[in-house]
Each structure stands twice: as C-alpha cells, then as structure tokens.
C-alpha cells in the first residue's frame, strides 16, 4: 500500500508541475484570469453542465483504476 501512496504522490506532483502551474501562469499573462474573476456566480448553462459531466467521468475513471489496482494486489 505504501508503494501505491508514493505512486499517487508522484502522479499528483507531476500533474501540478507539468499542467496546472503553466496553465495558471498563461492565464495570468494573457488576461484570461481577469475575465474569469469578473464573472459573478456559477453558470449552469451548457458549459457548466458539460464541465460537470466531464469532471464526473474523470473521477469515475480514477476510482475505477484505483479499484482495479487494489483488487489485483489481493
């Protein structure tokens, strides 16, 4: 189980370093962050629903992979 914890920690750190940090820096530099900050509230239009579905699918995939890894270990 300790090995799985190390792998997850490495995956999260790699994701943050390679995707999230450059994306935030680009948003700040290009002015996209200012536009997002000016929006008030949460929109539940097409984009909100699509984003919610996409998020749920990604979470389901992650849970499925973790379940399969744990099941294979036993």
PDB file of N, CA and C in Angstrom:
ATOM      1  N   UNK A   1       0.815  -1.197   0.000  1.00  0.00           N
ATOM      2  CA  UNK A   1       0.000   0.000   0.000  1.00  0.00           C
ATOM      3  C   UNK A   1       0.858   1.262   0.000  1.00  0.00           C
ATOM      4  N   UNK A   2       2.024   1.153   0.628  1.00  0.00           N
ATOM      5  CA  UNK A   2       2.917   2.301   0.684  1.00  0.00           C
ATOM      6  C   UNK A   2       3.414   2.671  -0.717  1.00  0.00           C
ATOM      7  N   UNK A   3       3.623   1.656  -1.544  1.00  0.00           N
ATOM      8  CA  UNK A   3       4.090   1.907  -2.910  1.00  0.00           C
ATOM      9  C   UNK A   3       3.029   2.656  -3.710  1.00  0.00           C
ATOM     10  N   UNK A   4       1.766   2.274  -3.521  1.00  0.00           N
ATOM     11  CA  UNK A   4       0.677   2.959  -4.220  1.00  0.00           C
ATOM     12  C   UNK A   4       0.607   4.415  -3.780  1.00  0.00           C
ATOM     13  N   UNK A   5       0.816   4.683  -2.497  1.00  0.00           N
ATOM     14  CA  UNK A   5       0.801   6.052  -1.994  1.00  0.00           C
ATOM     15  C   UNK A   5       1.909   6.882  -2.637  1.00  0.00           C
ATOM     16  N   UNK A   6       3.071   6.285  -2.786  1.00  0.00           N
ATOM     17  CA  UNK A   6       4.182   7.002  -3.429  1.00  0.00           C
ATOM     18  C   UNK A   6       3.878   7.285  -4.892  1.00  0.00           C
ATOM     19  N   UNK A   7       3.264   6.308  -5.555  1.00  0.00           N
ATOM     20  CA  UNK A   7       2.930   6.496  -6.968  1.00  0.00           C
ATOM     21  C   UNK A   7       1.913   7.617  -7.118  1.00  0.00           C
ATOM     22  N   UNK A   8       0.872   7.624  -6.264  1.00  0.00           N
ATOM     23  CA  UNK A   8      -0.134   8.690  -6.345  1.00  0.00           C
ATOM     24  C   UNK A   8       0.483  10.045  -6.048  1.00  0.00           C
ATOM     25  N   UNK A   9       1.359  10.115  -5.079  1.00  0.00           N
ATOM     26  CA  UNK A   9       2.020  11.379  -4.759  1.00  0.00           C
ATOM     27  C   UNK A   9       2.858  11.869  -5.942  1.00  0.00           C
ATOM     28  N   UNK A  10       3.536  10.951  -6.587  1.00  0.00           N
ATOM     29  CA  UNK A  10       4.336  11.319  -7.763  1.00  0.00           C
ATOM     30  C   UNK A  10       3.445  11.778  -8.913  1.00  0.00           C
ATOM     31  N   UNK A  11       2.322  11.098  -9.105  1.00  0.00           N
ATOM     32  CA  UNK A  11       1.394  11.490 -10.174  1.00  0.00           C
ATOM     33  C   UNK A  11       0.812  12.882  -9.929  1.00  0.00           C
ATOM     34  N   UNK A  12       0.411  13.150  -8.705  1.00  0.00           N
ATOM     35  CA  UNK A  12      -0.157  14.463  -8.389  1.00  0.00           C
ATOM     36  C   UNK A  12       0.901  15.554  -8.545  1.00  0.00           C
ATOM     37  N   UNK A  13       2.082  15.306  -8.045  1.00  0.00           N
ATOM     38  CA  UNK A  13       3.160  16.299  -8.175  1.00  0.00           C
ATOM     39  C   UNK A  13       3.519  16.529  -9.641  1.00  0.00           C
ATOM     40  N   UNK A  14       3.576  15.461 -10.411  1.00  0.00           N
ATOM     41  CA  UNK A  14       3.862  15.598 -11.839  1.00  0.00           C
ATOM     42  C   UNK A  14       2.780  16.360 -12.563  1.00  0.00           C
ATOM     43  N   UNK A  15       1.519  16.102 -12.223  1.00  0.00           N
ATOM     44  CA  UNK A  15       0.415  16.825 -12.847  1.00  0.00           C
ATOM     45  C   UNK A  15       0.489  18.310 -12.524  1.00  0.00           C
ATOM     46  N   UNK A  16       0.699  18.623 -11.254  1.00  0.00           N
ATOM     47  CA  UNK A  16       0.769  20.029 -10.862  1.00  0.00           C
ATOM     48  C   UNK A  16       1.922  20.746 -11.540  1.00  0.00           C
ATOM     49  N   UNK A  17       3.054  20.078 -11.610  1.00  0.00           N
ATOM     50  CA  UNK A  17       4.238  20.714 -12.186  1.00  0.00           C
ATOM     51  C   UNK A  17       4.144  20.864 -13.689  1.00  0.00           C
ATOM     52  N   UNK A  18       3.520  19.898 -14.362  1.00  0.00           N
ATOM     53  CA  UNK A  18       3.551  19.919 -15.823  1.00  0.00           C
ATOM     54  C   UNK A  18       2.320  20.513 -16.479  1.00  0.00           C
ATOM     55  N   UNK A  19       1.187  20.551 -15.787  1.00  0.00           N
ATOM     56  CA  UNK A  19      -0.041  21.033 -16.419  1.00  0.00           C
ATOM     57  C   UNK A  19      -0.606  22.259 -15.713  1.00  0.00           C
ATOM     58  N   UNK A  20      -0.837  22.143 -14.436  1.00  0.00           N
ATOM     59  CA  UNK A  20      -1.563  23.187 -13.725  1.00  0.00           C
ATOM     60  C   UNK A  20      -0.767  24.475 -13.584  1.00  0.00           C
ATOM     61  N   UNK A  21       0.481  24.393 -13.199  1.00  0.00           N
ATOM     62  CA  UNK A  21       1.286  25.600 -12.989  1.00  0.00           C
ATOM     63  C   UNK A  21       1.466  26.394 -14.288  1.00  0.00           C
ATOM     64  N   UNK A  22       1.836  25.767 -15.410  1.00  0.00           N
ATOM     65  CA  UNK A  22       1.937  26.543 -16.652  1.00  0.00           C
ATOM     66  C   UNK A  22       0.598  27.113 -17.114  1.00  0.00           C
ATOM     67  N   UNK A  23      -0.497  26.386 -16.864  1.00  0.00           N
ATOM     68  CA  UNK A  23      -1.813  26.886 -17.263  1.00  0.00           C
ATOM     69  C   UNK A  23      -2.184  28.135 -16.474  1.00  0.00           C
ATOM     70  N   UNK A  24      -1.906  28.144 -15.190  1.00  0.00           N
ATOM     71  CA  UNK A  24      -2.200  29.317 -14.370  1.00  0.00           C
ATOM     72  C   UNK A  24      -1.320  30.490 -14.789  1.00  0.00           C
ATOM     73  N   UNK A  25      -0.064  30.225 -15.060  1.00  0.00           N
ATOM     74  CA  UNK A  25       0.842  31.295 -15.498  1.00  0.00           C
ATOM     75  C   UNK A  25       0.379  31.877 -16.832  1.00  0.00           C
ATOM     76  N   UNK A  26      -0.048  31.031 -17.758  1.00  0.00           N
ATOM     77  CA  UNK A  26      -0.546  31.516 -19.052  1.00  0.00           C
ATOM     78  C   UNK A  26      -1.807  32.350 -18.866  1.00  0.00           C
ATOM     79  N   UNK A  27      -2.716  31.898 -17.997  1.00  0.00           N
ATOM     80  CA  UNK A  27      -3.962  32.637 -17.775  1.00  0.00           C
ATOM     81  C   UNK A  27      -3.684  34.021 -17.190  1.00  0.00           C
ATOM     82  N   UNK A  28      -2.749  34.099 -16.288  1.00  0.00           N
ATOM     83  CA  UNK A  28      -2.399  35.397 -15.712  1.00  0.00           C
ATOM     84  C   UNK A  28      -1.762  36.311 -16.747  1.00  0.00           C
ATOM     85  N   UNK A  29      -0.887  35.755 -17.560  1.00  0.00           N
ATOM     86  CA  UNK A  29      -0.161  36.550 -18.545  1.00  0.00           C
ATOM     87  C   UNK A  29      -1.070  37.050 -19.665  1.00  0.00           C
ATOM     88  N   UNK A  30      -2.017  36.218 -20.096  1.00  0.00           N
ATOM     89  CA  UNK A  30      -2.851  36.575 -21.240  1.00  0.00           C
ATOM     90  C   UNK A  30      -4.095  37.369 -20.869  1.00  0.00           C
ATOM     91  N   UNK A  31      -4.400  37.483 -19.600  1.00  0.00           N
ATOM     92  CA  UNK A  31      -5.578  38.241 -19.191  1.00  0.00           C
ATOM     93  C   UNK A  31      -6.831  37.396 -19.027  1.00  0.00           C
ATOM     94  N   UNK A  32      -6.743  36.122 -19.280  1.00  0.00           N
ATOM     95  CA  UNK A  32      -7.903  35.241 -19.129  1.00  0.00           C
ATOM     96  C   UNK A  32      -8.344  35.193 -17.668  1.00  0.00           C
ATOM     97  N   UNK A  33      -7.404  35.234 -16.747  1.00  0.00           N
ATOM     98  CA  UNK A  33      -7.736  35.171 -15.323  1.00  0.00           C
ATOM     99  C   UNK A  33      -8.592  36.361 -14.905  1.00  0.00           C
ATOM    100  N   UNK A  34      -8.329  37.540 -15.472  1.00  0.00           N
ATOM    101  CA  UNK A  34      -9.131  38.721 -15.140  1.00  0.00           C
ATOM    102  C   UNK A  34     -10.573  38.557 -15.600  1.00  0.00           C
ATOM    103  N   UNK A  35     -10.761  37.981 -16.778  1.00  0.00           N
ATOM    104  CA  UNK A  35     -12.115  37.751 -17.292  1.00  0.00           C
ATOM    105  C   UNK A  35     -12.862  36.779 -16.393  1.00  0.00           C
ATOM    106  N   UNK A  36     -12.185  35.726 -15.958  1.00  0.00           N
ATOM    107  CA  UNK A  36     -12.830  34.729 -15.095  1.00  0.00           C
ATOM    108  C   UNK A  36     -13.166  35.342 -13.743  1.00  0.00           C
ATOM    109  N   UNK A  37     -12.300  36.182 -13.224  1.00  0.00           N
ATOM    110  CA  UNK A  37     -12.549  36.810 -11.926  1.00  0.00           C
ATOM    111  C   UNK A  37     -13.740  37.760 -11.977  1.00  0.00           C
ATOM    112  N   UNK A  38     -13.976  38.413 -13.126  1.00  0.00           N
ATOM    113  CA  UNK A  38     -15.069  39.374 -13.250  1.00  0.00           C
ATOM    114  C   UNK A  38     -16.429  38.708 -13.326  1.00  0.00           C
ATOM    115  N   UNK A  39     -16.495  37.433 -13.714  1.00  0.00           N
ATOM    116  CA  UNK A  39     -17.775  36.731 -13.771  1.00  0.00           C
ATOM    117  C   UNK A  39     -18.328  36.586 -12.365  1.00  0.00           C
ATOM    118  N   UNK A  40     -19.628  36.761 -12.247  1.00  0.00           N
ATOM    119  CA  UNK A  40     -20.253  36.634 -10.930  1.00  0.00           C
ATOM    120  C   UNK A  40     -21.042  35.336 -10.895  1.00  0.00           C
ATOM    121  N   UNK A  41     -20.894  34.589  -9.817  1.00  0.00           N
ATOM    122  CA  UNK A  41     -21.662  33.370  -9.640  1.00  0.00           C
ATOM    123  C   UNK A  41     -21.158  32.234 -10.515  1.00  0.00           C
ATOM    124  N   UNK A  42     -21.893  31.145 -10.457  1.00  0.00           N
ATOM    125  CA  UNK A  42     -21.546  29.961 -11.237  1.00  0.00           C
ATOM    126  C   UNK A  42     -22.606  29.787 -12.303  1.00  0.00           C
ATOM    127  N   UNK A  43     -22.190  29.660 -13.530  1.00  0.00           N
ATOM    128  CA  UNK A  43     -23.166  29.472 -14.610  1.00  0.00           C
ATOM    129  C   UNK A  43     -23.436  27.990 -14.784  1.00  0.00           C
ATOM    130  N   UNK A  44     -24.702  27.650 -14.899  1.00  0.00           N
ATOM    131  CA  UNK A  44     -25.080  26.262 -15.107  1.00  0.00           C
ATOM    132  C   UNK A  44     -25.646  26.075 -16.506  1.00  0.00           C
ATOM    133  N   UNK A  45     -25.137  26.830 -17.456  1.00  0.00           N
ATOM    134  CA  UNK A  45     -25.564  26.674 -18.842  1.00  0.00           C
ATOM    135  C   UNK A  45     -24.915  25.448 -19.462  1.00  0.00           C
ATOM    136  N   UNK A  46     -24.770  25.462 -20.759  1.00  0.00           N
ATOM    137  CA  UNK A  46     -24.181  24.324 -21.472  1.00  0.00           C
ATOM    138  C   UNK A  46     -22.773  24.045 -20.986  1.00  0.00           C
ATOM    139  N   UNK A  47     -21.981  25.082 -20.813  1.00  0.00           N
ATOM    140  CA  UNK A  47     -20.606  24.893 -20.355  1.00  0.00           C
ATOM    141  C   UNK A  47     -20.530  24.327 -18.957  1.00  0.00           C
ATOM    142  N   UNK A  48     -21.410  24.764 -18.071  1.00  0.00           N
ATOM    143  CA  UNK A  48     -21.430  24.257 -16.706  1.00  0.00           C
ATOM    144  C   UNK A  48     -21.808  22.791 -16.652  1.00  0.00           C
ATOM    145  N   UNK A  49     -22.810  22.420 -17.435  1.00  0.00           N
ATOM    146  CA  UNK A  49     -23.252  21.019 -17.451  1.00  0.00           C
ATOM    147  C   UNK A  49     -22.176  20.139 -18.080  1.00  0.00           C
ATOM    148  N   UNK A  50     -21.592  20.592 -19.179  1.00  0.00           N
ATOM    149  CA  UNK A  50     -20.532  19.828 -19.838  1.00  0.00           C
ATOM    150  C   UNK A  50     -19.335  19.662 -18.908  1.00  0.00           C
ATOM    151  N   UNK A  51     -18.973  20.711 -18.209  1.00  0.00           N
ATOM    152  CA  UNK A  51     -17.856  20.631 -17.273  1.00  0.00           C
ATOM    153  C   UNK A  51     -18.139  19.684 -16.128  1.00  0.00           C
ATOM    154  N   UNK A  52     -19.375  19.707 -15.633  1.00  0.00           N
ATOM    155  CA  UNK A  52     -19.762  18.807 -14.549  1.00  0.00           C
ATOM    156  C   UNK A  52     -19.709  17.353 -14.995  1.00  0.00           C
ATOM    157  N   UNK A  53     -20.226  17.067 -16.175  1.00  0.00           N
ATOM    158  CA  UNK A  53     -20.202  15.699 -16.703  1.00  0.00           C
ATOM    159  C   UNK A  53     -18.765  15.240 -16.931  1.00  0.00           C
ATOM    160  N   UNK A  54     -17.950  16.103 -17.485  1.00  0.00           N
ATOM    161  CA  UNK A  54     -16.544  15.768 -17.730  1.00  0.00           C
ATOM    162  C   UNK A  54     -15.827  15.473 -16.415  1.00  0.00           C
ATOM    163  N   UNK A  55     -16.082  16.283 -15.400  1.00  0.00           N
ATOM    164  CA  UNK A  55     -15.460  16.079 -14.098  1.00  0.00           C
ATOM    165  C   UNK A  55     -15.887  14.744 -13.496  1.00  0.00           C
ATOM    166  N   UNK A  56     -17.172  14.437 -13.584  1.00  0.00           N
ATOM    167  CA  UNK A  56     -17.658  13.171 -13.038  1.00  0.00           C
ATOM    168  C   UNK A  56     -17.071  11.974 -13.777  1.00  0.00           C
ATOM    169  N   UNK A  57     -16.904  12.082 -15.085  1.00  0.00           N
ATOM    170  CA  UNK A  57     -16.307  10.992 -15.856  1.00  0.00           C
ATOM    171  C   UNK A  57     -14.853  10.783 -15.451  1.00  0.00           C
ATOM    172  N   UNK A  58     -14.118  11.857 -15.283  1.00  0.00           N
ATOM    173  CA  UNK A  58     -12.714  11.748 -14.878  1.00  0.00           C
ATOM    174  C   UNK A  58     -12.602  11.123 -13.488  1.00  0.00           C
ATOM    175  N   UNK A  59     -13.458  11.544 -12.574  1.00  0.00           N
ATOM    176  CA  UNK A  59     -13.443  10.966 -11.228  1.00  0.00           C
ATOM    177  C   UNK A  59     -13.789   9.483 -11.282  1.00  0.00           C
ATOM    178  N   UNK A  60     -14.773   9.113 -12.098  1.00  0.00           N
ATOM    179  CA  UNK A  60     -15.153   7.699 -12.228  1.00  0.00           C
ATOM    180  C   UNK A  60     -13.997   6.869 -12.783  1.00  0.00           C
ATOM    181  N   UNK A  61     -13.263   7.405 -13.751  1.00  0.00           N
ATOM    182  CA  UNK A  61     -12.127   6.685 -14.313  1.00  0.00           C
ATOM    183  C   UNK A  61     -11.040   6.489 -13.248  1.00  0.00           C
ATOM    184  N   UNK A  62     -10.754   7.532 -12.481  1.00  0.00           N
ATOM    185  CA  UNK A  62      -9.735   7.431 -11.445  1.00  0.00           C
ATOM    186  C   UNK A  62     -10.137   6.400 -10.397  1.00  0.00           C
ATOM    187  N   UNK A  63     -11.398   6.449  -9.951  1.00  0.00           N
ATOM    188  CA  UNK A  63     -11.871   5.483  -8.953  1.00  0.00           C
ATOM    189  C   UNK A  63     -11.798   4.071  -9.513  1.00  0.00           C
ATOM    190  N   UNK A  64     -12.176   3.897 -10.788  1.00  0.00           N
ATOM    191  CA  UNK A  64     -12.111   2.578 -11.417  1.00  0.00           C
ATOM    192  C   UNK A  64     -10.696   2.036 -11.478  1.00  0.00           C
ATOM    193  N   UNK A  65      -9.747   2.874 -11.838  1.00  0.00           N
ATOM    194  CA  UNK A  65      -8.346   2.446 -11.916  1.00  0.00           C
ATOM    195  C   UNK A  65      -7.832   2.073 -10.526  1.00  0.00           C
ATOM    196  N   UNK A  66      -8.138   2.887  -9.530  1.00  0.00           N
ATOM    197  CA  UNK A  66      -7.706   2.577  -8.167  1.00  0.00           C
ATOM    198  C   UNK A  66      -8.326   1.258  -7.707  1.00  0.00           C
ATOM    199  N   UNK A  67      -9.596   1.047  -7.993  1.00  0.00           N
ATOM    200  CA  UNK A  67     -10.271  -0.188  -7.616  1.00  0.00           C
ATOM    201  C   UNK A  67      -9.612  -1.393  -8.279  1.00  0.00           C
ATOM    202  N   UNK A  68      -9.292  -1.271  -9.558  1.00  0.00           N
ATOM    203  CA  UNK A  68      -8.655  -2.378 -10.263  1.00  0.00           C
ATOM    204  C   UNK A  68      -7.255  -2.667  -9.718  1.00  0.00           C
ATOM    205  N   UNK A  69      -6.507  -1.635  -9.387  1.00  0.00           N
ATOM    206  CA  UNK A  69      -5.163  -1.829  -8.844  1.00  0.00           C
ATOM    207  C   UNK A  69      -5.237  -2.516  -7.487  1.00  0.00           C
ATOM    208  N   UNK A  70      -6.145  -2.062  -6.645  1.00  0.00           N
ATOM    209  CA  UNK A  70      -6.285  -2.668  -5.314  1.00  0.00           C
ATOM    210  C   UNK A  70      -6.764  -4.110  -5.437  1.00  0.00           C
ATOM    211  N   UNK A  71      -7.687  -4.367  -6.328  1.00  0.00           N
ATOM    212  CA  UNK A  71      -8.227  -5.716  -6.495  1.00  0.00           C
ATOM    213  C   UNK A  71      -7.153  -6.670  -7.033  1.00  0.00           C
ATOM    214  N   UNK A  72      -6.301  -6.177  -7.923  1.00  0.00           N
ATOM    215  CA  UNK A  72      -5.247  -7.005  -8.496  1.00  0.00           C
ATOM    216  C   UNK A  72      -4.193  -7.376  -7.457  1.00  0.00           C
ATOM    217  N   UNK A  73      -3.976  -6.483  -6.488  1.00  0.00           N
ATOM    218  CA  UNK A  73      -2.990  -6.725  -5.442  1.00  0.00           C
ATOM    219  C   UNK A  73      -3.398  -7.895  -4.551  1.00  0.00           C
ATOM    220  N   UNK A  74      -4.709  -8.106  -4.368  1.00  0.00           N
ATOM    221  CA  UNK A  74      -5.185  -9.168  -3.476  1.00  0.00           C
ATOM    222  C   UNK A  74      -5.107 -10.475  -4.123  1.00  0.00           C
TER     223      UNK A  74
END
